[in-house]
Amino acid sequence: GRWAELLTPRYLATTTMLCVGVALYAFNGFLVSTVLPTAVREIGGAALLPWSLTLYLIASIVAGASAALLKQRYGARKVLFAAAVVFLAGTLTAAVASDMETVLVGRVFQGIGEGIIAAICYALIPEMFPPALVPKVFGAEATVWAVAAFGGPVLAGSLTETFSWRVAFLVNAPIICLFLLLAAVMVPGGRRTTGGMTLSFPTQRLALLSAGLLVMLVAGLAPSAPVTATAVA
């Protein structure tokens, strides 16, 4: 269970793939939150800015909760490929958007793709590594989040100042292509059995959670204190 084992030829590609998958989720959140204020100055839609985070969160939470069911039914490789394509479509949609409504559509697709990718990447850790290395892999993923928290806003600001806010979206494209290549080689293609257990989708709980997020958004945008207090309650 040594850290150096993650960098040996046996595990290096797998470690890289899982870290890239989580990095997509981690970095993109900080990139987008940094560049969107600049984007609305160019394309308008400042009133819709709070929706970019809320809709993204709802999409990623629902998609992440669906990941185990999809993985069981179709296999990790197929699901990761589909999620990566959805994420790439959302990224390109937001990058070429001429209005904020189109950016919101892209953010929903990004949330769906990232939610599934991140959930399955974490789920694959105990399947693709021996028990002694599992804590080290989770530690590596935590490091990715730490680097994203510090480096994401700096990278987004640099790209926006040097090129455009659109480049902060497009920088995800080569990363997702690298992830697709690694996933095609490293992720097993078969479906994993659950010992006869059938997974069910938590529709009611996720619907309530999504509604709660939307109501909290309304609370933040409400024109009066009584409406805000009611929405929060």
Protein backbone atom coordinates (compact mmCIF):
# COMPACT_ATOMS: atom_id res chain seq x y z
CA GLY A 1 0.00 0.00 0.00
CA ARG A 2 2.70 2.53 -0.95
CA TRP A 3 2.02 5.73 -2.86
CA ALA A 4 4.71 4.86 -5.39
CA GLU A 5 2.72 1.80 -6.50
CA LEU A 6 0.13 4.07 -8.12
CA LEU A 7 2.84 5.20 -10.54
CA THR A 8 4.07 1.76 -11.52
CA PRO A 9 3.30 0.51 -15.06
CA ARG A 10 0.60 -1.79 -13.67
CA TYR A 11 -1.52 1.01 -12.21
CA LEU A 12 -0.34 4.26 -13.81
CA ALA A 13 -2.86 4.34 -16.68
CA THR A 14 -5.74 3.37 -14.38
CA THR A 15 -4.77 5.99 -11.81
CA THR A 16 -4.48 8.62 -14.53
CA MET A 17 -7.89 7.74 -15.98
CA LEU A 18 -9.69 7.96 -12.64
CA CYS A 19 -7.93 11.20 -11.72
CA VAL A 20 -8.78 12.73 -15.10
CA GLY A 21 -12.42 11.72 -14.66
CA VAL A 22 -12.64 13.39 -11.27
CA ALA A 23 -10.61 16.37 -12.53
CA LEU A 24 -13.25 17.04 -15.18
CA TYR A 25 -15.81 17.46 -12.42
CA ALA A 26 -13.54 19.39 -10.08
CA PHE A 27 -11.86 21.80 -12.49
CA ASN A 28 -14.92 22.52 -14.60
CA GLY A 29 -16.87 23.78 -11.60
CA PHE A 30 -14.19 26.31 -10.71
CA LEU A 31 -13.54 27.25 -14.34
CA VAL A 32 -17.18 28.00 -15.12
CA SER A 33 -17.95 29.86 -11.91
CA THR A 34 -14.97 32.12 -12.62
CA VAL A 35 -15.71 32.95 -16.27
CA LEU A 36 -19.52 33.25 -16.31
CA PRO A 37 -19.58 36.83 -14.96
CA THR A 38 -17.39 37.79 -17.92
CA ALA A 39 -19.63 35.83 -20.27
CA VAL A 40 -22.79 37.67 -19.24
CA ARG A 41 -21.12 41.00 -19.96
CA GLU A 42 -20.69 39.80 -23.55
CA ILE A 43 -23.88 37.84 -24.23
CA GLY A 44 -26.23 39.22 -21.57
CA GLY A 45 -28.53 37.25 -19.30
CA ALA A 46 -27.18 38.32 -15.92
CA ALA A 47 -30.55 37.52 -14.34
CA LEU A 48 -30.09 33.88 -15.37
CA LEU A 49 -26.64 33.57 -13.82
CA PRO A 50 -27.85 31.82 -10.62
CA TRP A 51 -29.64 29.22 -12.74
CA SER A 52 -26.33 28.07 -14.24
CA LEU A 53 -25.26 26.58 -10.92
CA THR A 54 -28.65 25.31 -9.75
CA LEU A 55 -29.55 23.50 -12.97
CA TYR A 56 -26.04 22.08 -13.15
CA LEU A 57 -26.27 20.78 -9.57
CA ILE A 58 -29.68 19.21 -10.14
CA ALA A 59 -28.47 17.50 -13.32
CA SER A 60 -25.26 16.21 -11.72
CA ILE A 61 -27.00 14.94 -8.57
CA VAL A 62 -29.69 13.06 -10.49
CA ALA A 63 -27.15 11.69 -12.96
CA GLY A 64 -24.76 10.66 -10.20
CA ALA A 65 -27.55 8.84 -8.39
CA SER A 66 -28.36 7.04 -11.66
CA ALA A 67 -24.79 5.92 -12.24
CA ALA A 68 -24.92 2.67 -10.26
CA LEU A 69 -28.13 1.56 -11.98
CA LEU A 70 -26.74 2.42 -15.43
CA LYS A 71 -23.45 0.69 -14.66
CA GLN A 72 -25.26 -2.46 -13.57
CA ARG A 73 -27.47 -2.50 -16.65
CA TYR A 74 -25.05 -1.50 -19.43
CA GLY A 75 -21.53 -1.87 -18.04
CA ALA A 76 -19.09 0.80 -16.90
CA ARG A 77 -17.34 1.33 -20.24
CA LYS A 78 -20.50 2.02 -22.26
CA VAL A 79 -21.91 4.32 -19.62
CA LEU A 80 -18.65 6.26 -19.31
CA PHE A 81 -18.48 6.68 -23.08
CA ALA A 82 -22.06 7.94 -23.27
CA ALA A 83 -21.56 10.30 -20.33
CA ALA A 84 -18.34 11.66 -21.82
CA VAL A 85 -20.09 12.38 -25.13
CA VAL A 86 -22.94 14.16 -23.30
CA PHE A 87 -20.41 16.21 -21.33
CA LEU A 88 -18.52 17.12 -24.51
CA ALA A 89 -21.77 18.15 -26.20
CA GLY A 90 -22.61 20.37 -23.24
CA THR A 91 -19.15 21.91 -23.24
CA LEU A 92 -19.29 22.76 -26.95
CA THR A 93 -22.84 24.09 -26.62
CA ALA A 94 -21.83 26.47 -23.83
CA ALA A 95 -18.61 27.50 -25.58
CA VAL A 96 -20.33 28.64 -28.79
CA ALA A 97 -23.43 30.08 -27.08
CA SER A 98 -24.67 33.49 -28.16
CA ASP A 99 -27.10 33.88 -25.27
CA MET A 100 -27.40 32.77 -21.67
CA GLU A 101 -30.26 30.37 -22.38
CA THR A 102 -27.95 28.29 -24.59
CA VAL A 103 -25.29 28.32 -21.88
CA LEU A 104 -27.86 26.91 -19.45
CA VAL A 105 -28.62 24.05 -21.87
CA GLY A 106 -24.91 23.32 -22.06
CA ARG A 107 -24.61 23.40 -18.28
CA VAL A 108 -27.40 20.83 -17.92
CA PHE A 109 -25.62 18.49 -20.32
CA GLN A 110 -22.35 19.09 -18.49
CA GLY A 111 -24.01 18.24 -15.20
CA ILE A 112 -25.45 14.99 -16.56
CA GLY A 113 -22.12 13.90 -18.01
CA GLU A 114 -19.97 14.92 -15.07
CA GLY A 115 -22.31 13.45 -12.47
CA ILE A 116 -22.14 10.01 -14.07
CA ILE A 117 -18.40 10.15 -14.79
CA ALA A 118 -17.44 11.18 -11.27
CA ALA A 119 -19.74 8.62 -9.62
CA ILE A 120 -18.49 5.73 -11.74
CA CYS A 121 -14.85 6.74 -11.35
CA TYR A 122 -15.22 6.54 -7.57
CA ALA A 123 -17.13 3.26 -7.87
CA LEU A 124 -14.36 1.73 -10.00
CA ILE A 125 -11.64 2.34 -7.42
CA PRO A 126 -12.27 -0.80 -5.30
CA GLU A 127 -12.84 -2.82 -8.49
CA MET A 128 -9.59 -1.87 -10.20
CA PHE A 129 -7.18 -1.67 -7.26
CA PRO A 130 -6.25 -4.10 -4.47
CA PRO A 131 -7.60 -3.21 -0.99
CA ALA A 132 -4.18 -2.00 0.19
CA LEU A 133 -4.12 0.72 -2.49
CA VAL A 134 -7.75 1.89 -2.29
CA PRO A 135 -7.08 4.51 0.43
CA LYS A 136 -4.16 5.85 -1.60
CA VAL A 137 -6.34 6.25 -4.69
CA PHE A 138 -8.99 8.12 -2.70
CA GLY A 139 -6.15 10.30 -1.40
CA ALA A 140 -5.06 11.00 -4.97
CA GLU A 141 -8.61 12.04 -5.86
CA ALA A 142 -8.69 14.38 -2.87
CA THR A 143 -5.46 15.91 -4.15
CA VAL A 144 -7.13 16.53 -7.50
CA TRP A 145 -9.89 18.49 -5.74
CA ALA A 146 -7.32 20.52 -3.80
CA VAL A 147 -5.39 21.39 -6.94
CA ALA A 148 -8.63 22.30 -8.72
CA ALA A 149 -9.69 24.60 -5.88
CA PHE A 150 -6.46 26.59 -6.13
CA GLY A 151 -5.61 26.20 -9.82
CA GLY A 152 -9.07 26.30 -11.42
CA PRO A 153 -9.83 30.01 -10.86
CA VAL A 154 -6.27 30.99 -11.78
CA LEU A 155 -6.43 28.99 -15.01
CA ALA A 156 -9.87 30.36 -15.87
CA GLY A 157 -8.78 33.93 -15.26
CA SER A 158 -5.63 33.51 -17.35
CA LEU A 159 -7.51 31.96 -20.26
CA THR A 160 -10.19 34.66 -20.15
CA GLU A 161 -7.67 37.50 -20.09
CA THR A 162 -5.42 35.98 -22.76
CA PHE A 163 -8.06 34.56 -25.10
CA SER A 164 -11.76 34.46 -24.21
CA TRP A 165 -14.14 33.03 -21.64
CA ARG A 166 -15.12 30.50 -24.31
CA VAL A 167 -11.65 28.94 -24.15
CA ALA A 168 -12.23 28.11 -20.48
CA PHE A 169 -15.04 25.82 -21.68
CA LEU A 170 -13.12 24.47 -24.67
CA VAL A 171 -10.12 23.46 -22.55
CA ASN A 172 -12.24 20.53 -21.40
CA ALA A 173 -12.40 19.07 -24.93
CA PRO A 174 -8.86 17.58 -25.10
CA ILE A 175 -9.18 16.36 -21.52
CA ILE A 176 -12.37 14.45 -22.26
CA CYS A 177 -10.74 12.96 -25.38
CA LEU A 178 -7.85 11.72 -23.21
CA PHE A 179 -10.35 10.28 -20.75
CA LEU A 180 -12.20 8.46 -23.54
CA LEU A 181 -8.96 6.93 -24.80
CA LEU A 182 -7.94 5.71 -21.34
CA ALA A 183 -11.42 4.42 -20.56
CA ALA A 184 -11.51 2.41 -23.79
CA VAL A 185 -8.30 0.64 -22.77
CA MET A 186 -8.64 0.33 -19.00
CA VAL A 187 -12.32 -0.01 -18.08
CA PRO A 188 -13.85 -3.49 -18.28
CA GLY A 189 -16.68 -3.72 -20.78
CA GLY A 190 -18.89 -6.31 -19.09
CA ARG A 191 -21.72 -5.71 -16.66
CA ARG A 192 -21.08 -6.34 -13.00
CA THR A 193 -23.52 -8.55 -11.13
CA THR A 194 -24.98 -7.50 -7.80
CA GLY A 195 -25.62 -10.96 -6.36
CA GLY A 196 -29.22 -11.11 -7.56
CA MET A 197 -29.99 -7.71 -6.06
CA THR A 198 -31.88 -5.28 -8.30
CA LEU A 199 -31.08 -1.60 -7.94
CA SER A 200 -33.99 0.81 -7.99
CA PHE A 201 -33.94 4.48 -8.90
CA PRO A 202 -34.80 6.80 -5.96
CA THR A 203 -37.27 8.88 -7.96
CA GLN A 204 -39.23 10.39 -5.09
CA ARG A 205 -36.23 11.41 -3.01
CA LEU A 206 -34.39 12.92 -5.98
CA ALA A 207 -37.51 14.78 -7.08
CA LEU A 208 -37.85 16.29 -3.60
CA LEU A 209 -34.16 17.18 -3.52
CA SER A 210 -34.35 18.83 -6.96
CA ALA A 211 -37.45 20.75 -5.94
CA GLY A 212 -35.69 21.90 -2.79
CA LEU A 213 -32.76 23.25 -4.80
CA LEU A 214 -35.09 25.14 -7.11
CA VAL A 215 -37.01 26.62 -4.17
CA MET A 216 -33.75 27.79 -2.61
CA LEU A 217 -32.90 29.50 -5.89
CA VAL A 218 -36.28 31.23 -5.81
CA ALA A 219 -35.54 32.28 -2.23
CA GLY A 220 -32.34 33.95 -3.36
CA LEU A 221 -34.08 35.80 -6.19
CA ALA A 222 -37.32 36.66 -4.35
CA PRO A 223 -38.28 40.36 -4.36
CA SER A 224 -39.50 40.47 -0.76
CA ALA A 225 -38.43 39.13 2.63
CA PRO A 226 -41.68 37.17 3.33
CA VAL A 227 -41.33 35.26 0.05
CA THR A 228 -37.69 34.52 0.82
CA ALA A 229 -38.52 33.31 4.35
CA THR A 230 -41.35 31.12 3.02
CA ALA A 231 -39.14 29.57 0.36
CA VAL A 232 -36.34 28.86 2.83
CA ALA A 233 -38.81 27.28 5.27
